């Protein structure tokens, strides 16, 4: 019997994708503790939690590396490579300097880090769980993520984003909840938990001392454990044809949503920030309206 598709996964990916787009539209720095900072604090960690949650670890371990590469080449790497070539070519044509070439070789531009990072997460997990026991494997994933965040938070080292381990613990958590959590303890979702996230985020951001991202990480683990995971597991998230459609096509939306934003940033925001926001949100509205009309049709 064919397994029923989990609509909550599609909804969650679509919901998070809207925030990915908003996070890229909103100008300013992440460190300011503004709206952009809030969005960046949760959208990619939750995306990587879902990515880990969707992996069947036993199948991954049993597959030859060649088959794993072939699977993910067709699923995401091929589409990513096209986007990478086009975005990188545009940026180099706009600023054809040696520094630009070195910078874009050392680290992919903008959002293009996600796909190669996810693929390397998958290969790392295949190796670890195939060669070592569960405790060692999960310990390596979590400690690597902690060490990576420590370097980012406490040094001025500009780490490459080809393999960004800063979100690795969330991926590991999704992997664990799907493949190794046998307890029914976290079976009920509490909608109030994600509603508390934003106010608590600002409370922690206003503390007179630096938490080095630890407070936000604890908040996210609470949201995942008490709402996100149970809602995904039991398929009890709200229903939305528009968001589910975006979720099903999230890879392509993710890869290409930056194209109009990049053009607007380069040619409009530098002249008039108000026009930039008007056009950006109008395009986002038209995108959602197009999907809604298409789904109705």
Protein backbone atom coordinates (compact mmCIF):
# COMPACT_ATOMS: atom_id res chain seq x y z
CA UNK A 1 0.00 0.00 0.00
CA UNK A 2 1.34 3.44 -0.95
CA UNK A 3 2.12 5.59 2.08
CA UNK A 4 -0.02 8.73 2.43
CA UNK A 5 1.91 11.95 1.85
CA UNK A 6 2.49 13.97 5.00
CA UNK A 7 0.80 17.30 4.21
CA UNK A 8 2.26 18.89 7.34
CA UNK A 9 5.79 18.57 5.95
CA UNK A 10 4.73 20.39 2.77
CA UNK A 11 2.90 23.04 4.80
CA UNK A 12 5.87 23.58 7.11
CA UNK A 13 8.31 23.92 4.20
CA UNK A 14 5.97 26.34 2.43
CA UNK A 15 5.46 28.38 5.60
CA UNK A 16 9.21 28.57 6.22
CA UNK A 17 9.87 29.43 2.57
CA UNK A 18 7.72 32.55 2.89
CA UNK A 19 9.91 33.60 5.80
CA UNK A 20 13.05 32.82 3.79
CA UNK A 21 11.80 35.25 1.13
CA UNK A 22 10.83 37.86 3.74
CA UNK A 23 14.23 37.50 5.40
CA UNK A 24 15.92 38.30 2.10
CA UNK A 25 13.59 41.19 1.28
CA UNK A 26 14.03 42.95 4.62
CA UNK A 27 17.19 45.06 4.65
CA UNK A 28 19.54 45.54 7.58
CA UNK A 29 21.91 43.32 9.51
CA UNK A 30 20.98 40.16 11.38
CA UNK A 31 22.88 41.32 14.45
CA UNK A 32 20.61 44.34 15.00
CA UNK A 33 17.99 42.15 16.69
CA UNK A 34 15.30 43.42 14.31
CA UNK A 35 12.71 41.59 12.20
CA UNK A 36 15.41 40.15 9.96
CA UNK A 37 17.26 38.82 12.99
CA UNK A 38 14.12 37.04 14.23
CA UNK A 39 13.47 35.43 10.83
CA UNK A 40 17.06 34.27 10.41
CA UNK A 41 17.06 32.79 13.91
CA UNK A 42 14.52 30.10 13.04
CA UNK A 43 13.84 29.59 9.32
CA UNK A 44 16.96 27.64 8.29
CA UNK A 45 17.34 25.70 11.57
CA UNK A 46 13.77 24.44 11.15
CA UNK A 47 14.36 23.70 7.46
CA UNK A 48 17.36 21.57 8.37
CA UNK A 49 15.39 19.85 11.12
CA UNK A 50 12.83 18.85 8.46
CA UNK A 51 15.64 17.73 6.12
CA UNK A 52 17.02 15.45 8.84
CA UNK A 53 13.53 14.25 9.74
CA UNK A 54 12.87 13.15 6.14
CA UNK A 55 15.90 10.84 5.95
CA UNK A 56 15.55 7.09 6.39
CA UNK A 57 18.91 6.35 7.97
CA UNK A 58 18.85 2.59 7.38
CA UNK A 59 18.28 3.09 3.65
CA UNK A 60 20.98 5.76 3.52
CA UNK A 61 23.55 3.49 5.17
CA UNK A 62 22.66 0.57 2.87
CA UNK A 63 22.99 2.61 -0.34
CA UNK A 64 26.34 2.72 -2.16
CA UNK A 65 27.87 6.21 -2.32
CA UNK A 66 27.40 6.19 -6.10
CA UNK A 67 23.65 5.64 -5.70
CA UNK A 68 23.42 8.34 -3.02
CA UNK A 69 25.13 10.82 -5.33
CA UNK A 70 22.89 9.82 -8.25
CA UNK A 71 19.77 10.20 -6.11
CA UNK A 72 20.64 13.65 -4.83
CA UNK A 73 22.08 14.79 -8.17
CA UNK A 74 18.64 14.32 -9.71
CA UNK A 75 16.78 15.55 -6.64
CA UNK A 76 18.65 18.79 -5.90
CA UNK A 77 22.31 19.05 -6.99
CA UNK A 78 21.60 19.44 -10.71
CA UNK A 79 19.10 22.26 -10.14
CA UNK A 80 21.44 23.88 -7.63
CA UNK A 81 24.40 23.78 -10.05
CA UNK A 82 22.41 25.67 -12.69
CA UNK A 83 21.42 28.34 -10.16
CA UNK A 84 25.00 28.53 -8.86
CA UNK A 85 26.45 29.10 -12.35
CA UNK A 86 23.88 31.78 -13.23
CA UNK A 87 24.07 33.73 -9.96
CA UNK A 88 27.86 33.53 -9.79
CA UNK A 89 28.23 34.59 -13.44
CA UNK A 90 25.96 37.59 -12.86
CA UNK A 91 27.92 38.66 -9.78
CA UNK A 92 31.27 38.30 -11.54
CA UNK A 93 30.03 40.24 -14.57
CA UNK A 94 28.82 42.98 -12.27
CA UNK A 95 32.10 43.08 -10.34
CA UNK A 96 34.85 41.36 -12.40
CA UNK A 97 37.70 41.50 -9.89
CA UNK A 98 40.17 38.96 -8.53
CA UNK A 99 38.75 39.53 -5.04
CA UNK A 100 35.25 38.60 -6.27
CA UNK A 101 36.56 35.45 -7.95
CA UNK A 102 38.43 34.39 -4.80
CA UNK A 103 35.47 35.22 -2.55
CA UNK A 104 32.91 33.31 -4.62
CA UNK A 105 35.29 30.35 -4.93
CA UNK A 106 35.95 30.27 -1.20
CA UNK A 107 32.28 30.52 -0.27
CA UNK A 108 29.08 30.41 -2.37
CA UNK A 109 27.04 33.60 -2.57
CA UNK A 110 23.99 34.20 -0.40
CA UNK A 111 21.49 31.38 -0.23
CA UNK A 112 23.53 28.99 -2.40
CA UNK A 113 25.21 27.44 0.67
CA UNK A 114 22.20 25.33 1.64
CA UNK A 115 22.19 22.56 -0.98
CA UNK A 116 25.92 21.63 -0.88
CA UNK A 117 25.83 21.85 2.91
CA UNK A 118 22.80 19.55 3.11
CA UNK A 119 24.40 17.05 0.74
CA UNK A 120 27.61 17.00 2.80
CA UNK A 121 25.52 16.55 5.98
CA UNK A 122 23.97 13.48 4.35
CA UNK A 123 27.35 12.04 3.32
CA UNK A 124 28.75 12.71 6.80
CA UNK A 125 25.82 10.87 8.40
CA UNK A 126 26.18 7.94 6.01
CA UNK A 127 29.83 7.59 7.01
CA UNK A 128 29.35 8.14 10.76
CA UNK A 129 26.31 5.92 11.31
CA UNK A 130 27.69 3.28 8.93
CA UNK A 131 31.08 3.07 10.70
CA UNK A 132 30.39 3.98 14.35
CA UNK A 133 27.67 3.53 16.97
CA UNK A 134 24.80 5.92 17.64
CA UNK A 135 26.35 7.68 20.63
CA UNK A 136 29.58 8.46 18.79
CA UNK A 137 27.74 9.51 15.63
CA UNK A 138 25.34 11.93 17.33
CA UNK A 139 28.11 13.24 19.59
CA UNK A 140 30.27 14.11 16.57
CA UNK A 141 27.37 15.89 14.83
CA UNK A 142 26.47 17.95 17.89
CA UNK A 143 30.04 18.77 18.93
CA UNK A 144 30.96 19.77 15.38
CA UNK A 145 27.99 22.15 15.36
CA UNK A 146 28.91 23.60 18.76
CA UNK A 147 32.55 24.08 17.73
CA UNK A 148 31.51 25.75 14.48
CA UNK A 149 29.20 28.17 16.29
CA UNK A 150 31.90 28.91 18.86
CA UNK A 151 34.29 29.94 16.09
CA UNK A 152 31.63 32.12 14.46
CA UNK A 153 30.57 33.76 17.71
CA UNK A 154 33.97 34.36 19.31
CA UNK A 155 36.44 34.92 16.47
CA UNK A 156 36.72 37.00 13.32
CA UNK A 157 37.46 33.97 11.13
CA UNK A 158 35.47 34.10 7.90
CA UNK A 159 34.45 30.45 7.58
CA UNK A 160 33.48 29.00 4.21
CA UNK A 161 29.82 28.15 3.67
CA UNK A 162 30.30 25.23 1.32
CA UNK A 163 29.94 23.07 4.42
CA UNK A 164 28.25 25.22 7.05
CA UNK A 165 28.05 23.21 10.27
CA UNK A 166 26.33 25.93 12.30
CA UNK A 167 22.90 24.29 11.82
CA UNK A 168 24.14 20.70 12.02
CA UNK A 169 22.65 20.01 15.51
CA UNK A 170 19.14 20.77 14.16
CA UNK A 171 19.67 18.34 11.29
CA UNK A 172 20.88 15.75 13.81
CA UNK A 173 17.81 16.37 15.97
CA UNK A 174 15.50 15.73 13.00
CA UNK A 175 17.44 12.59 12.16
CA UNK A 176 17.16 11.37 15.76
CA UNK A 177 13.45 12.11 16.14
CA UNK A 178 12.64 10.24 12.92
CA UNK A 179 14.96 7.25 13.24
CA UNK A 180 15.76 6.65 16.91
CA UNK A 181 13.13 8.22 19.18
CA UNK A 182 10.89 5.40 20.36
CA UNK A 183 9.22 7.28 23.21
CA UNK A 184 5.64 8.54 22.92
CA UNK A 185 6.43 11.31 25.39
CA UNK A 186 6.46 14.07 22.77
CA UNK A 187 3.21 13.14 21.08
CA UNK A 188 1.11 16.22 21.74
CA UNK A 189 1.68 19.56 20.03
CA UNK A 190 1.14 22.82 21.91
CA UNK A 191 0.36 25.71 19.55
CA UNK A 192 1.14 28.26 22.26
CA UNK A 193 4.84 27.32 22.16
CA UNK A 194 5.69 28.83 18.73
CA UNK A 195 3.53 31.86 19.58
CA UNK A 196 5.85 32.58 22.51
CA UNK A 197 8.99 32.37 20.37
CA UNK A 198 9.11 35.95 19.07
CA UNK A 199 8.50 37.75 22.39
CA UNK A 200 10.98 35.47 24.16
CA UNK A 201 13.51 36.04 21.38
CA UNK A 202 13.36 39.79 21.98
CA UNK A 203 13.56 39.27 25.75
CA UNK A 204 16.78 37.29 25.34
CA UNK A 205 18.10 39.78 22.76
CA UNK A 206 17.66 42.60 25.30
CA UNK A 207 19.66 40.87 28.05
CA UNK A 208 22.63 42.94 29.28
CA UNK A 209 25.04 40.10 28.44
CA UNK A 210 25.72 38.07 25.31
CA UNK A 211 24.23 34.57 25.15
CA UNK A 212 26.21 33.52 22.04
CA UNK A 213 23.09 32.09 20.42
CA UNK A 214 22.53 29.59 23.24
CA UNK A 215 19.24 31.14 24.40
CA UNK A 216 17.81 31.11 20.86
CA UNK A 217 18.95 27.50 20.38
CA UNK A 218 17.14 26.44 23.57
CA UNK A 219 14.01 28.26 22.43
CA UNK A 220 14.11 26.47 19.09
CA UNK A 221 14.61 23.06 20.70
CA UNK A 222 11.54 23.81 22.83
CA UNK A 223 9.50 24.76 19.75
CA UNK A 224 10.65 21.63 17.91
CA UNK A 225 10.03 19.26 20.82
CA UNK A 226 6.69 20.62 22.02
CA UNK A 227 5.08 21.66 18.74
CA UNK A 228 7.00 21.17 15.49
CA UNK A 229 7.91 17.48 15.83
CA UNK A 230 4.54 16.26 17.21
CA UNK A 231 2.68 18.24 14.53
CA UNK A 232 4.83 16.74 11.76
CA UNK A 233 4.62 13.24 13.19
CA UNK A 234 0.83 13.29 13.55
CA UNK A 235 0.24 15.43 10.43
CA UNK A 236 -1.77 17.99 12.41
CA UNK A 237 -0.44 21.27 11.04
CA UNK A 238 -2.94 23.65 9.41
CA UNK A 239 -3.98 22.95 5.82
CA UNK A 240 -3.20 25.41 3.04
CA UNK A 241 -3.11 24.52 -0.64
CA UNK A 242 -0.92 27.53 -1.39
CA UNK A 243 1.69 26.83 1.29
CA UNK A 244 1.65 23.10 0.55
CA UNK A 245 2.28 23.83 -3.13
CA UNK A 246 5.20 26.10 -2.23
CA UNK A 247 6.48 23.39 0.12
CA UNK A 248 6.35 20.71 -2.58
CA UNK A 249 8.33 23.02 -4.88
CA UNK A 250 10.47 24.56 -2.16
CA UNK A 251 13.81 23.72 -3.82
CA UNK A 252 13.03 25.74 -6.95
CA UNK A 253 11.45 28.59 -5.00
CA UNK A 254 14.50 28.64 -2.75
CA UNK A 255 17.00 28.62 -5.61
CA UNK A 256 15.35 31.34 -7.69
CA UNK A 257 13.53 33.69 -5.30
CA UNK A 258 16.73 35.70 -4.90
CA UNK A 259 16.85 36.64 -8.60
CA UNK A 260 14.26 39.46 -8.47
CA UNK A 261 15.44 40.51 -5.00
CA UNK A 262 19.04 40.78 -6.18
CA UNK A 263 18.04 42.92 -9.15
CA UNK A 264 15.89 45.15 -6.95
CA UNK A 265 18.68 45.55 -4.40
CA UNK A 266 21.19 46.47 -7.10
CA UNK A 267 19.02 48.79 -9.18
CA UNK A 268 16.20 50.09 -6.97
CA UNK A 269 17.05 50.06 -3.24
CA UNK A 270 20.22 52.08 -3.79
CA UNK A 271 18.09 54.85 -5.32
CA UNK A 272 14.87 54.59 -3.32
CA UNK A 273 14.33 52.14 -0.45
CA UNK A 274 10.57 52.84 -0.36
CA UNK A 275 10.16 51.82 -4.00
CA UNK A 276 12.25 48.73 -3.29
CA UNK A 277 9.87 47.56 -0.55
CA UNK A 278 6.74 48.41 -2.53
CA UNK A 279 7.92 46.45 -5.57
CA UNK A 280 9.29 43.55 -3.50
CA UNK A 281 6.11 42.99 -1.50
CA UNK A 282 3.97 43.50 -4.62
CA UNK A 283 5.93 40.73 -6.37
CA UNK A 284 5.56 38.46 -3.33
CA UNK A 285 1.81 39.13 -3.27
CA UNK A 286 1.51 38.40 -7.02
CA UNK A 287 3.51 35.19 -6.57
CA UNK A 288 1.15 33.95 -3.85
CA UNK A 289 -1.91 35.10 -5.82
CA UNK A 290 -0.67 33.25 -8.92
CA UNK A 291 -0.28 30.03 -6.94
CA UNK A 292 -3.69 30.47 -5.31
CA UNK A 293 -5.42 31.01 -8.67
CA UNK A 294 -3.52 28.12 -10.18
CA UNK A 295 -4.54 25.77 -7.37
CA UNK A 296 -8.17 26.87 -7.63
CA UNK A 297 -8.08 26.33 -11.39
